[in-house]
């Protein structure tokens, strides 16, 4: 009976993800707002990324390499996540193999931001607590290796899912489906692995930021480094925003247990607050606060990139 109830709830959740009602005016407005916000912040993120990439000094700094990686991954995630969300609202189906590729990119970049911010916290910890060794530890080469490890950790279980689908699903290349991550789960162990990875990243990133924050605050108090403490607080705020994104699937499943009429609009709010908001605010708050990035970004935004030569502080 428990298995039947679980299967019933799972079926209800999958059905609710693609509501079989006519799209009403409010849903159309919400879709338009979501699309506008995503395109706006993708454009701003890419302008900031290109502005930073144009200066060799930024490309040689581990701090800005990590920040540029976060800008790029957040832009990719905004694009793919918004596409999949709009497909669910408009009831568009995709071939399963195409859906798998979209889910792979969206889900991988979903995990990249909190992992990147955790590494950025470690970089700030080394810079503040071991300033004489920072240049030797945080080299561009080691930063590139760290970025590669981040992408591997973020994508490994999704790649396993796709390999499993390719080997076991005869309709993988031909069947059209409503595209969500849950519809790609053929076995219970896939969902268990997915939840396990999310739980591991949530705990690991949380421990990393708390431990580095504690160490940096102790050092900052002893040397009265107010700017350093503000930077760490900003990292903490960014990480809290990104970590809330791990609650998205759990909240959506909880919403699916209520009535259809109640599910529609809280789901939109859930997507905007837990998926869009962290990816929109974090890069801009960090970038516009930075004394090296802000003038260059504003100048590029006005298409005047030849007028300014910012220095990294």
C-alpha atoms as a PDB file:
ATOM      1  CA  UNK A   1       0.000   0.000   0.000  1.00  0.00           C
ATOM      2  CA  UNK A   2       2.851   2.376   0.794  1.00  0.00           C
ATOM      3  CA  UNK A   3       4.390   1.718  -2.618  1.00  0.00           C
ATOM      4  CA  UNK A   4       1.037   2.381  -4.277  1.00  0.00           C
ATOM      5  CA  UNK A   5       0.647   5.648  -2.389  1.00  0.00           C
ATOM      6  CA  UNK A   6       4.183   6.654  -3.319  1.00  0.00           C
ATOM      7  CA  UNK A   7       3.541   5.823  -6.968  1.00  0.00           C
ATOM      8  CA  UNK A   8       0.299   7.808  -6.859  1.00  0.00           C
ATOM      9  CA  UNK A   9       2.050  10.851  -5.411  1.00  0.00           C
ATOM     10  CA  UNK A  10       4.826  10.564  -8.005  1.00  0.00           C
ATOM     11  CA  UNK A  11       2.264  10.353 -10.815  1.00  0.00           C
ATOM     12  CA  UNK A  12       0.440  13.363  -9.393  1.00  0.00           C
ATOM     13  CA  UNK A  13       3.701  15.317  -9.254  1.00  0.00           C
ATOM     14  CA  UNK A  14       4.589  14.490 -12.864  1.00  0.00           C
ATOM     15  CA  UNK A  15       1.106  15.426 -14.028  1.00  0.00           C
ATOM     16  CA  UNK A  16       1.109  18.700 -12.126  1.00  0.00           C
ATOM     17  CA  UNK A  17       4.397  19.713 -13.739  1.00  0.00           C
ATOM     18  CA  UNK A  18       2.495  20.034 -17.027  1.00  0.00           C
ATOM     19  CA  UNK A  19      -0.902  21.444 -16.207  1.00  0.00           C
ATOM     20  CA  UNK A  20      -3.474  20.408 -18.790  1.00  0.00           C
ATOM     21  CA  UNK A  21      -5.500  23.586 -18.665  1.00  0.00           C
ATOM     22  CA  UNK A  22      -5.711  26.474 -21.036  1.00  0.00           C
ATOM     23  CA  UNK A  23      -3.014  29.016 -20.375  1.00  0.00           C
ATOM     24  CA  UNK A  24      -4.727  31.930 -18.634  1.00  0.00           C
ATOM     25  CA  UNK A  25      -3.795  35.592 -18.783  1.00  0.00           C
ATOM     26  CA  UNK A  26      -1.913  35.576 -15.481  1.00  0.00           C
ATOM     27  CA  UNK A  27       0.191  32.600 -16.551  1.00  0.00           C
ATOM     28  CA  UNK A  28       0.995  34.373 -19.825  1.00  0.00           C
ATOM     29  CA  UNK A  29       2.067  37.479 -17.922  1.00  0.00           C
ATOM     30  CA  UNK A  30       4.200  35.424 -15.541  1.00  0.00           C
ATOM     31  CA  UNK A  31       5.848  33.639 -18.477  1.00  0.00           C
ATOM     32  CA  UNK A  32       6.629  36.963 -20.147  1.00  0.00           C
ATOM     33  CA  UNK A  33       8.090  38.404 -16.948  1.00  0.00           C
ATOM     34  CA  UNK A  34      10.232  35.299 -16.356  1.00  0.00           C
ATOM     35  CA  UNK A  35      11.535  35.417 -19.930  1.00  0.00           C
ATOM     36  CA  UNK A  36      12.272  39.156 -19.738  1.00  0.00           C
ATOM     37  CA  UNK A  37      14.144  38.858 -16.426  1.00  0.00           C
ATOM     38  CA  UNK A  38      16.192  35.916 -17.685  1.00  0.00           C
ATOM     39  CA  UNK A  39      17.192  37.615 -20.937  1.00  0.00           C
ATOM     40  CA  UNK A  40      17.999  40.862 -19.114  1.00  0.00           C
ATOM     41  CA  UNK A  41      20.343  39.269 -16.598  1.00  0.00           C
ATOM     42  CA  UNK A  42      21.900  36.932 -19.148  1.00  0.00           C
ATOM     43  CA  UNK A  43      22.796  40.031 -21.178  1.00  0.00           C
ATOM     44  CA  UNK A  44      24.186  41.880 -18.144  1.00  0.00           C
ATOM     45  CA  UNK A  45      26.185  38.834 -17.020  1.00  0.00           C
ATOM     46  CA  UNK A  46      27.683  38.350 -20.476  1.00  0.00           C
ATOM     47  CA  UNK A  47      28.612  42.037 -20.746  1.00  0.00           C
ATOM     48  CA  UNK A  48      30.368  41.793 -17.380  1.00  0.00           C
ATOM     49  CA  UNK A  49      32.093  38.554 -18.414  1.00  0.00           C
ATOM     50  CA  UNK A  50      33.323  39.996 -21.729  1.00  0.00           C
ATOM     51  CA  UNK A  51      34.500  43.171 -19.991  1.00  0.00           C
ATOM     52  CA  UNK A  52      36.557  41.131 -17.525  1.00  0.00           C
ATOM     53  CA  UNK A  53      37.871  38.763 -20.190  1.00  0.00           C
ATOM     54  CA  UNK A  54      39.174  41.712 -22.232  1.00  0.00           C
ATOM     55  CA  UNK A  55      41.793  42.537 -19.572  1.00  0.00           C
ATOM     56  CA  UNK A  56      44.800  40.200 -19.138  1.00  0.00           C
ATOM     57  CA  UNK A  57      45.140  41.222 -15.474  1.00  0.00           C
ATOM     58  CA  UNK A  58      41.733  39.719 -14.700  1.00  0.00           C
ATOM     59  CA  UNK A  59      42.543  36.501 -16.561  1.00  0.00           C
ATOM     60  CA  UNK A  60      45.640  36.037 -14.395  1.00  0.00           C
ATOM     61  CA  UNK A  61      43.846  36.463 -11.059  1.00  0.00           C
ATOM     62  CA  UNK A  62      42.288  33.400  -9.417  1.00  0.00           C
ATOM     63  CA  UNK A  63      39.638  35.589  -7.802  1.00  0.00           C
ATOM     64  CA  UNK A  64      38.403  36.927 -11.130  1.00  0.00           C
ATOM     65  CA  UNK A  65      38.783  33.611 -12.924  1.00  0.00           C
ATOM     66  CA  UNK A  66      36.366  32.105 -10.410  1.00  0.00           C
ATOM     67  CA  UNK A  67      34.016  35.074 -10.671  1.00  0.00           C
ATOM     68  CA  UNK A  68      34.058  34.883 -14.466  1.00  0.00           C
ATOM     69  CA  UNK A  69      33.300  31.171 -14.260  1.00  0.00           C
ATOM     70  CA  UNK A  70      30.313  31.944 -12.024  1.00  0.00           C
ATOM     71  CA  UNK A  71      29.021  34.600 -14.437  1.00  0.00           C
ATOM     72  CA  UNK A  72      29.238  32.207 -17.373  1.00  0.00           C
ATOM     73  CA  UNK A  73      27.651  29.228 -15.608  1.00  0.00           C
ATOM     74  CA  UNK A  74      24.844  31.370 -14.176  1.00  0.00           C
ATOM     75  CA  UNK A  75      24.071  32.766 -17.636  1.00  0.00           C
ATOM     76  CA  UNK A  76      23.945  29.259 -19.123  1.00  0.00           C
ATOM     77  CA  UNK A  77      21.749  28.053 -16.276  1.00  0.00           C
ATOM     78  CA  UNK A  78      19.337  30.974 -16.614  1.00  0.00           C
ATOM     79  CA  UNK A  79      18.935  30.270 -20.321  1.00  0.00           C
ATOM     80  CA  UNK A  80      18.369  26.517 -20.091  1.00  0.00           C
ATOM     81  CA  UNK A  81      16.288  26.584 -16.889  1.00  0.00           C
ATOM     82  CA  UNK A  82      14.006  29.269 -18.307  1.00  0.00           C
ATOM     83  CA  UNK A  83      13.627  27.323 -21.556  1.00  0.00           C
ATOM     84  CA  UNK A  84      12.600  24.154 -19.708  1.00  0.00           C
ATOM     85  CA  UNK A  85      10.261  26.067 -17.412  1.00  0.00           C
ATOM     86  CA  UNK A  86       8.521  27.792 -20.332  1.00  0.00           C
ATOM     87  CA  UNK A  87       8.207  24.421 -22.074  1.00  0.00           C
ATOM     88  CA  UNK A  88       6.387  23.124 -19.000  1.00  0.00           C
ATOM     89  CA  UNK A  89       4.015  26.107 -18.960  1.00  0.00           C
ATOM     90  CA  UNK A  90       3.226  25.872 -22.675  1.00  0.00           C
ATOM     91  CA  UNK A  91       3.139  22.046 -22.701  1.00  0.00           C
ATOM     92  CA  UNK A  92       5.843  21.664 -25.362  1.00  0.00           C
ATOM     93  CA  UNK A  93       7.339  18.181 -25.736  1.00  0.00           C
ATOM     94  CA  UNK A  94      10.932  17.329 -26.631  1.00  0.00           C
ATOM     95  CA  UNK A  95      12.602  14.188 -27.946  1.00  0.00           C
ATOM     96  CA  UNK A  96      13.989  12.363 -24.919  1.00  0.00           C
ATOM     97  CA  UNK A  97      17.609  12.618 -26.060  1.00  0.00           C
ATOM     98  CA  UNK A  98      17.235  16.395 -26.559  1.00  0.00           C
ATOM     99  CA  UNK A  99      15.522  16.678 -23.194  1.00  0.00           C
ATOM    100  CA  UNK A 100      18.409  14.780 -21.595  1.00  0.00           C
ATOM    101  CA  UNK A 101      20.960  17.198 -23.035  1.00  0.00           C
ATOM    102  CA  UNK A 102      18.969  20.204 -21.804  1.00  0.00           C
ATOM    103  CA  UNK A 103      18.580  18.701 -18.339  1.00  0.00           C
ATOM    104  CA  UNK A 104      22.295  17.822 -18.245  1.00  0.00           C
ATOM    105  CA  UNK A 105      23.347  21.423 -18.950  1.00  0.00           C
ATOM    106  CA  UNK A 106      20.686  23.007 -16.735  1.00  0.00           C
ATOM    107  CA  UNK A 107      21.272  20.682 -13.779  1.00  0.00           C
ATOM    108  CA  UNK A 108      25.070  20.839 -14.009  1.00  0.00           C
ATOM    109  CA  UNK A 109      25.168  24.634 -14.065  1.00  0.00           C
ATOM    110  CA  UNK A 110      22.605  24.602 -11.234  1.00  0.00           C
ATOM    111  CA  UNK A 111      25.297  23.119  -8.965  1.00  0.00           C
ATOM    112  CA  UNK A 112      28.201  25.156 -10.310  1.00  0.00           C
ATOM    113  CA  UNK A 113      27.421  28.435  -8.499  1.00  0.00           C
ATOM    114  CA  UNK A 114      27.426  27.152  -4.892  1.00  0.00           C
ATOM    115  CA  UNK A 115      30.518  25.041  -5.568  1.00  0.00           C
ATOM    116  CA  UNK A 116      32.281  28.014  -7.171  1.00  0.00           C
ATOM    117  CA  UNK A 117      31.351  30.299  -4.289  1.00  0.00           C
ATOM    118  CA  UNK A 118      32.729  27.740  -1.840  1.00  0.00           C
ATOM    119  CA  UNK A 119      36.052  27.791  -3.703  1.00  0.00           C
ATOM    120  CA  UNK A 120      35.932  31.610  -3.754  1.00  0.00           C
ATOM    121  CA  UNK A 121      35.561  31.547   0.035  1.00  0.00           C
ATOM    122  CA  UNK A 122      38.608  29.300   0.288  1.00  0.00           C
ATOM    123  CA  UNK A 123      40.531  31.690  -1.969  1.00  0.00           C
ATOM    124  CA  UNK A 124      39.602  34.655   0.258  1.00  0.00           C
ATOM    125  CA  UNK A 125      40.548  32.619   3.327  1.00  0.00           C
ATOM    126  CA  UNK A 126      44.033  32.009   1.924  1.00  0.00           C
ATOM    127  CA  UNK A 127      44.358  35.661   0.830  1.00  0.00           C
ATOM    128  CA  UNK A 128      43.457  37.011   4.276  1.00  0.00           C
ATOM    129  CA  UNK A 129      44.922  34.387   6.606  1.00  0.00           C
ATOM    130  CA  UNK A 130      48.030  33.467   4.553  1.00  0.00           C
ATOM    131  CA  UNK A 131      48.763  36.593   2.486  1.00  0.00           C
ATOM    132  CA  UNK A 132      52.423  35.744   1.904  1.00  0.00           C
ATOM    133  CA  UNK A 133      51.549  32.348   0.410  1.00  0.00           C
ATOM    134  CA  UNK A 134      48.476  33.434  -1.531  1.00  0.00           C
ATOM    135  CA  UNK A 135      50.331  34.080  -4.791  1.00  0.00           C
ATOM    136  CA  UNK A 136      51.922  30.616  -4.652  1.00  0.00           C
ATOM    137  CA  UNK A 137      48.727  28.762  -3.710  1.00  0.00           C
ATOM    138  CA  UNK A 138      46.082  30.545  -5.796  1.00  0.00           C
ATOM    139  CA  UNK A 139      47.757  30.357  -9.201  1.00  0.00           C
ATOM    140  CA  UNK A 140      45.829  30.520 -12.503  1.00  0.00           C
ATOM    141  CA  UNK A 141      46.793  26.896 -13.226  1.00  0.00           C
ATOM    142  CA  UNK A 142      45.478  25.619  -9.890  1.00  0.00           C
ATOM    143  CA  UNK A 143      42.360  27.729 -10.304  1.00  0.00           C
ATOM    144  CA  UNK A 144      41.752  26.156 -13.719  1.00  0.00           C
ATOM    145  CA  UNK A 145      42.118  22.698 -12.163  1.00  0.00           C
ATOM    146  CA  UNK A 146      39.642  23.675  -9.429  1.00  0.00           C
ATOM    147  CA  UNK A 147      37.163  24.848 -12.083  1.00  0.00           C
ATOM    148  CA  UNK A 148      37.530  21.547 -13.951  1.00  0.00           C
ATOM    149  CA  UNK A 149      36.886  19.621 -10.712  1.00  0.00           C
ATOM    150  CA  UNK A 150      33.793  21.770 -10.056  1.00  0.00           C
ATOM    151  CA  UNK A 151      32.365  20.916 -13.483  1.00  0.00           C
ATOM    152  CA  UNK A 152      33.134  17.225 -12.971  1.00  0.00           C
ATOM    153  CA  UNK A 153      31.425  17.117  -9.577  1.00  0.00           C
ATOM    154  CA  UNK A 154      28.463  19.066 -10.899  1.00  0.00           C
ATOM    155  CA  UNK A 155      27.875  16.802 -13.889  1.00  0.00           C
ATOM    156  CA  UNK A 156      28.944  13.295 -12.858  1.00  0.00           C
ATOM    157  CA  UNK A 157      25.596  11.867 -11.729  1.00  0.00           C
ATOM    158  CA  UNK A 158      23.729  13.415 -14.683  1.00  0.00           C
ATOM    159  CA  UNK A 159      26.192  11.843 -17.117  1.00  0.00           C
ATOM    160  CA  UNK A 160      25.589   8.499 -15.376  1.00  0.00           C
ATOM    161  CA  UNK A 161      21.830   9.004 -15.819  1.00  0.00           C
ATOM    162  CA  UNK A 162      22.213   9.649 -19.553  1.00  0.00           C
ATOM    163  CA  UNK A 163      24.472   6.607 -20.011  1.00  0.00           C
ATOM    164  CA  UNK A 164      21.901   4.490 -18.145  1.00  0.00           C
ATOM    165  CA  UNK A 165      19.075   5.868 -20.295  1.00  0.00           C
ATOM    166  CA  UNK A 166      20.999   5.208 -23.502  1.00  0.00           C
ATOM    167  CA  UNK A 167      21.672   1.606 -22.488  1.00  0.00           C
ATOM    168  CA  UNK A 168      18.210   0.708 -21.152  1.00  0.00           C
ATOM    169  CA  UNK A 169      15.614   2.879 -22.908  1.00  0.00           C
ATOM    170  CA  UNK A 170      14.761   1.681 -26.429  1.00  0.00           C
ATOM    171  CA  UNK A 171      12.825   4.900 -27.116  1.00  0.00           C
ATOM    172  CA  UNK A 172      15.613   7.232 -25.999  1.00  0.00           C
ATOM    173  CA  UNK A 173      16.205   8.583 -29.529  1.00  0.00           C
ATOM    174  CA  UNK A 174      12.603   8.687 -30.720  1.00  0.00           C
ATOM    175  CA  UNK A 175      10.075   9.285 -27.929  1.00  0.00           C
ATOM    176  CA  UNK A 176       8.708  12.764 -27.216  1.00  0.00           C
ATOM    177  CA  UNK A 177       8.171  13.657 -23.555  1.00  0.00           C
ATOM    178  CA  UNK A 178       7.338  16.621 -21.367  1.00  0.00           C
ATOM    179  CA  UNK A 179      10.842  17.546 -20.314  1.00  0.00           C
ATOM    180  CA  UNK A 180      11.669  17.520 -16.613  1.00  0.00           C
ATOM    181  CA  UNK A 181      14.477  15.867 -14.722  1.00  0.00           C
ATOM    182  CA  UNK A 182      12.023  13.595 -12.896  1.00  0.00           C
ATOM    183  CA  UNK A 183      10.710  12.127 -16.162  1.00  0.00           C
ATOM    184  CA  UNK A 184      14.203  10.847 -16.942  1.00  0.00           C
ATOM    185  CA  UNK A 185      14.288   8.682 -13.817  1.00  0.00           C
ATOM    186  CA  UNK A 186      13.735   5.063 -14.864  1.00  0.00           C
ATOM    187  CA  UNK A 187      14.836   3.515 -11.565  1.00  0.00           C
ATOM    188  CA  UNK A 188      14.494   4.479  -7.918  1.00  0.00           C
ATOM    189  CA  UNK A 189      18.259   4.488  -7.426  1.00  0.00           C
ATOM    190  CA  UNK A 190      18.545   7.421  -9.858  1.00  0.00           C
ATOM    191  CA  UNK A 191      16.366   9.583  -7.639  1.00  0.00           C
ATOM    192  CA  UNK A 192      18.235   8.390  -4.535  1.00  0.00           C
ATOM    193  CA  UNK A 193      21.586   9.306  -6.125  1.00  0.00           C
ATOM    194  CA  UNK A 194      20.199  12.694  -7.185  1.00  0.00           C
ATOM    195  CA  UNK A 195      18.994  13.444  -3.653  1.00  0.00           C
ATOM    196  CA  UNK A 196      22.234  12.124  -2.184  1.00  0.00           C
ATOM    197  CA  UNK A 197      24.394  14.396  -4.337  1.00  0.00           C
ATOM    198  CA  UNK A 198      22.233  17.414  -3.506  1.00  0.00           C
ATOM    199  CA  UNK A 199      22.430  16.632   0.198  1.00  0.00           C
ATOM    200  CA  UNK A 200      26.196  16.140   0.012  1.00  0.00           C
ATOM    201  CA  UNK A 201      26.752  19.442  -1.799  1.00  0.00           C
ATOM    202  CA  UNK A 202      24.412  21.285   0.579  1.00  0.00           C
ATOM    203  CA  UNK A 203      26.305  20.037   3.638  1.00  0.00           C
ATOM    204  CA  UNK A 204      29.802  20.329   2.116  1.00  0.00           C
ATOM    205  CA  UNK A 205      29.309  23.874   0.864  1.00  0.00           C
ATOM    206  CA  UNK A 206      27.652  24.901   4.128  1.00  0.00           C
ATOM    207  CA  UNK A 207      30.532  23.533   6.213  1.00  0.00           C
ATOM    208  CA  UNK A 208      33.068  25.192   3.900  1.00  0.00           C
ATOM    209  CA  UNK A 209      31.549  28.648   4.138  1.00  0.00           C
ATOM    210  CA  UNK A 210      30.971  28.468   7.907  1.00  0.00           C
ATOM    211  CA  UNK A 211      34.510  27.272   8.645  1.00  0.00           C
ATOM    212  CA  UNK A 212      36.186  29.774   6.313  1.00  0.00           C
ATOM    213  CA  UNK A 213      33.938  32.569   7.584  1.00  0.00           C
ATOM    214  CA  UNK A 214      34.892  31.759  11.182  1.00  0.00           C
ATOM    215  CA  UNK A 215      38.604  31.683  10.364  1.00  0.00           C
ATOM    216  CA  UNK A 216      38.482  34.901   8.371  1.00  0.00           C
ATOM    217  CA  UNK A 217      36.466  36.754  11.005  1.00  0.00           C
ATOM    218  CA  UNK A 218      39.015  35.803  13.655  1.00  0.00           C
ATOM    219  CA  UNK A 219      41.822  37.097  11.455  1.00  0.00           C
ATOM    220  CA  UNK A 220      39.829  40.164  10.434  1.00  0.00           C
ATOM    221  CA  UNK A 221      39.151  41.048  14.072  1.00  0.00           C
ATOM    222  CA  UNK A 222      42.814  40.848  14.934  1.00  0.00           C
ATOM    223  CA  UNK A 223      43.942  43.067  12.059  1.00  0.00           C
ATOM    224  CA  UNK A 224      40.762  45.191  11.939  1.00  0.00           C
ATOM    225  CA  UNK A 225      40.220  44.326   8.289  1.00  0.00           C
ATOM    226  CA  UNK A 226      36.693  45.670   7.859  1.00  0.00           C
ATOM    227  CA  UNK A 227      36.787  45.349   4.088  1.00  0.00           C
ATOM    228  CA  UNK A 228      37.766  41.697   4.336  1.00  0.00           C
ATOM    229  CA  UNK A 229      34.905  40.946   6.711  1.00  0.00           C
ATOM    230  CA  UNK A 230      32.419  42.673   4.401  1.00  0.00           C
ATOM    231  CA  UNK A 231      33.665  40.582   1.482  1.00  0.00           C
ATOM    232  CA  UNK A 232      33.190  37.390   3.458  1.00  0.00           C
ATOM    233  CA  UNK A 233      29.699  38.460   4.544  1.00  0.00           C
ATOM    234  CA  UNK A 234      28.866  39.027   0.887  1.00  0.00           C
ATOM    235  CA  UNK A 235      30.102  35.529   0.030  1.00  0.00           C
ATOM    236  CA  UNK A 236      27.959  34.187   2.869  1.00  0.00           C
ATOM    237  CA  UNK A 237      24.874  35.981   1.543  1.00  0.00           C
ATOM    238  CA  UNK A 238      25.544  34.698  -1.981  1.00  0.00           C
ATOM    239  CA  UNK A 239      25.977  31.156  -0.737  1.00  0.00           C
ATOM    240  CA  UNK A 240      22.755  31.328   1.266  1.00  0.00           C
ATOM    241  CA  UNK A 241      20.918  32.407  -1.888  1.00  0.00           C
ATOM    242  CA  UNK A 242      22.438  29.585  -3.916  1.00  0.00           C
ATOM    243  CA  UNK A 243      21.916  26.968  -1.214  1.00  0.00           C
ATOM    244  CA  UNK A 244      18.199  27.768  -1.097  1.00  0.00           C
ATOM    245  CA  UNK A 245      18.055  26.570  -4.714  1.00  0.00           C
ATOM    246  CA  UNK A 246      18.632  23.012  -3.473  1.00  0.00           C
ATOM    247  CA  UNK A 247      15.184  23.237  -1.849  1.00  0.00           C
ATOM    248  CA  UNK A 248      13.430  23.825  -5.190  1.00  0.00           C
ATOM    249  CA  UNK A 249      12.626  20.190  -5.997  1.00  0.00           C
ATOM    250  CA  UNK A 250      11.510  19.425  -2.443  1.00  0.00           C
ATOM    251  CA  UNK A 251       9.173  22.429  -2.352  1.00  0.00           C
ATOM    252  CA  UNK A 252       7.733  21.592  -5.775  1.00  0.00           C
ATOM    253  CA  UNK A 253       7.034  18.039  -4.644  1.00  0.00           C
ATOM    254  CA  UNK A 254       5.344  19.372  -1.502  1.00  0.00           C
ATOM    255  CA  UNK A 255       3.199  21.716  -3.594  1.00  0.00           C
ATOM    256  CA  UNK A 256       2.118  18.805  -5.807  1.00  0.00           C
ATOM    257  CA  UNK A 257       0.289  17.245  -2.859  1.00  0.00           C
ATOM    258  CA  UNK A 258      -2.238  20.088  -2.779  1.00  0.00           C
ATOM    259  CA  UNK A 259      -4.966  20.983  -5.255  1.00  0.00           C
ATOM    260  CA  UNK A 260      -4.251  21.903  -8.859  1.00  0.00           C
ATOM    261  CA  UNK A 261      -5.576  25.437  -8.435  1.00  0.00           C
ATOM    262  CA  UNK A 262      -3.161  26.048  -5.549  1.00  0.00           C
ATOM    263  CA  UNK A 263      -0.212  24.434  -7.353  1.00  0.00           C
ATOM    264  CA  UNK A 264      -0.035  26.682 -10.419  1.00  0.00           C
ATOM    265  CA  UNK A 265       0.992  30.044  -9.020  1.00  0.00           C
ATOM    266  CA  UNK A 266       3.120  29.037  -6.011  1.00  0.00           C
ATOM    267  CA  UNK A 267       5.133  26.964  -8.476  1.00  0.00           C
ATOM    268  CA  UNK A 268       5.863  30.121 -10.493  1.00  0.00           C
ATOM    269  CA  UNK A 269       6.849  31.935  -7.302  1.00  0.00           C
ATOM    270  CA  UNK A 270       9.022  28.986  -6.275  1.00  0.00           C
ATOM    271  CA  UNK A 271      10.865  29.121  -9.608  1.00  0.00           C
ATOM    272  CA  UNK A 272      11.372  32.895  -9.470  1.00  0.00           C
ATOM    273  CA  UNK A 273      12.599  32.997  -5.871  1.00  0.00           C
ATOM    274  CA  UNK A 274      14.770  29.871  -5.766  1.00  0.00           C
ATOM    275  CA  UNK A 275      16.063  29.588  -9.346  1.00  0.00           C
ATOM    276  CA  UNK A 276      16.010  33.045 -10.935  1.00  0.00           C
ATOM    277  CA  UNK A 277      16.738  35.296  -7.961  1.00  0.00           C
ATOM    278  CA  UNK A 278      20.035  33.739  -6.769  1.00  0.00           C
ATOM    279  CA  UNK A 279      21.435  33.670 -10.323  1.00  0.00           C
ATOM    280  CA  UNK A 280      20.330  37.228 -11.055  1.00  0.00           C
ATOM    281  CA  UNK A 281      21.416  39.005  -7.888  1.00  0.00           C
ATOM    282  CA  UNK A 282      24.620  37.254  -6.840  1.00  0.00           C
ATOM    283  CA  UNK A 283      26.884  38.133  -9.803  1.00  0.00           C
ATOM    284  CA  UNK A 284      25.673  41.727 -10.038  1.00  0.00           C
ATOM    285  CA  UNK A 285      25.964  42.387  -6.305  1.00  0.00           C
ATOM    286  CA  UNK A 286      29.494  40.998  -6.259  1.00  0.00           C
ATOM    287  CA  UNK A 287      30.594  42.563  -9.556  1.00  0.00           C
ATOM    288  CA  UNK A 288      29.186  46.050  -9.000  1.00  0.00           C
ATOM    289  CA  UNK A 289      30.732  46.186  -5.528  1.00  0.00           C
ATOM    290  CA  UNK A 290      34.195  45.326  -6.831  1.00  0.00           C
ATOM    291  CA  UNK A 291      36.315  48.418  -7.449  1.00  0.00           C
ATOM    292  CA  UNK A 292      38.086  46.784 -10.366  1.00  0.00           C
ATOM    293  CA  UNK A 293      35.048  45.334 -12.133  1.00  0.00           C
ATOM    294  CA  UNK A 294      32.455  48.089 -11.616  1.00  0.00           C
ATOM    295  CA  UNK A 295      33.961  50.891 -13.748  1.00  0.00           C
ATOM    296  CA  UNK A 296      34.905  48.491 -16.526  1.00  0.00           C
ATOM    297  CA  UNK A 297      31.442  46.913 -16.562  1.00  0.00           C
ATOM    298  CA  UNK A 298      29.650  50.278 -16.608  1.00  0.00           C
ATOM    299  CA  UNK A 299      31.908  51.492 -19.390  1.00  0.00           C
ATOM    300  CA  UNK A 300      31.258  48.380 -21.501  1.00  0.00           C
ATOM    301  CA  UNK A 301      27.558  48.749 -20.796  1.00  0.00           C
ATOM    302  CA  UNK A 302      27.764  52.174 -22.427  1.00  0.00           C
ATOM    303  CA  UNK A 303      29.810  50.707 -25.305  1.00  0.00           C
ATOM    304  CA  UNK A 304      32.819  52.778 -24.296  1.00  0.00           C
ATOM    305  CA  UNK A 305      35.341  50.032 -23.561  1.00  0.00           C
ATOM    306  CA  UNK A 306      38.310  52.013 -24.836  1.00  0.00           C
ATOM    307  CA  UNK A 307      38.046  54.763 -22.226  1.00  0.00           C
ATOM    308  CA  UNK A 308      39.051  53.043 -19.037  1.00  0.00           C
ATOM    309  CA  UNK A 309      41.902  50.982 -17.654  1.00  0.00           C
ATOM    310  CA  UNK A 310      40.814  49.654 -14.250  1.00  0.00           C
ATOM    311  CA  UNK A 311      43.303  48.278 -11.786  1.00  0.00           C
ATOM    312  CA  UNK A 312      42.735  45.238  -9.610  1.00  0.00           C
ATOM    313  CA  UNK A 313      42.696  46.189  -5.978  1.00  0.00           C
END
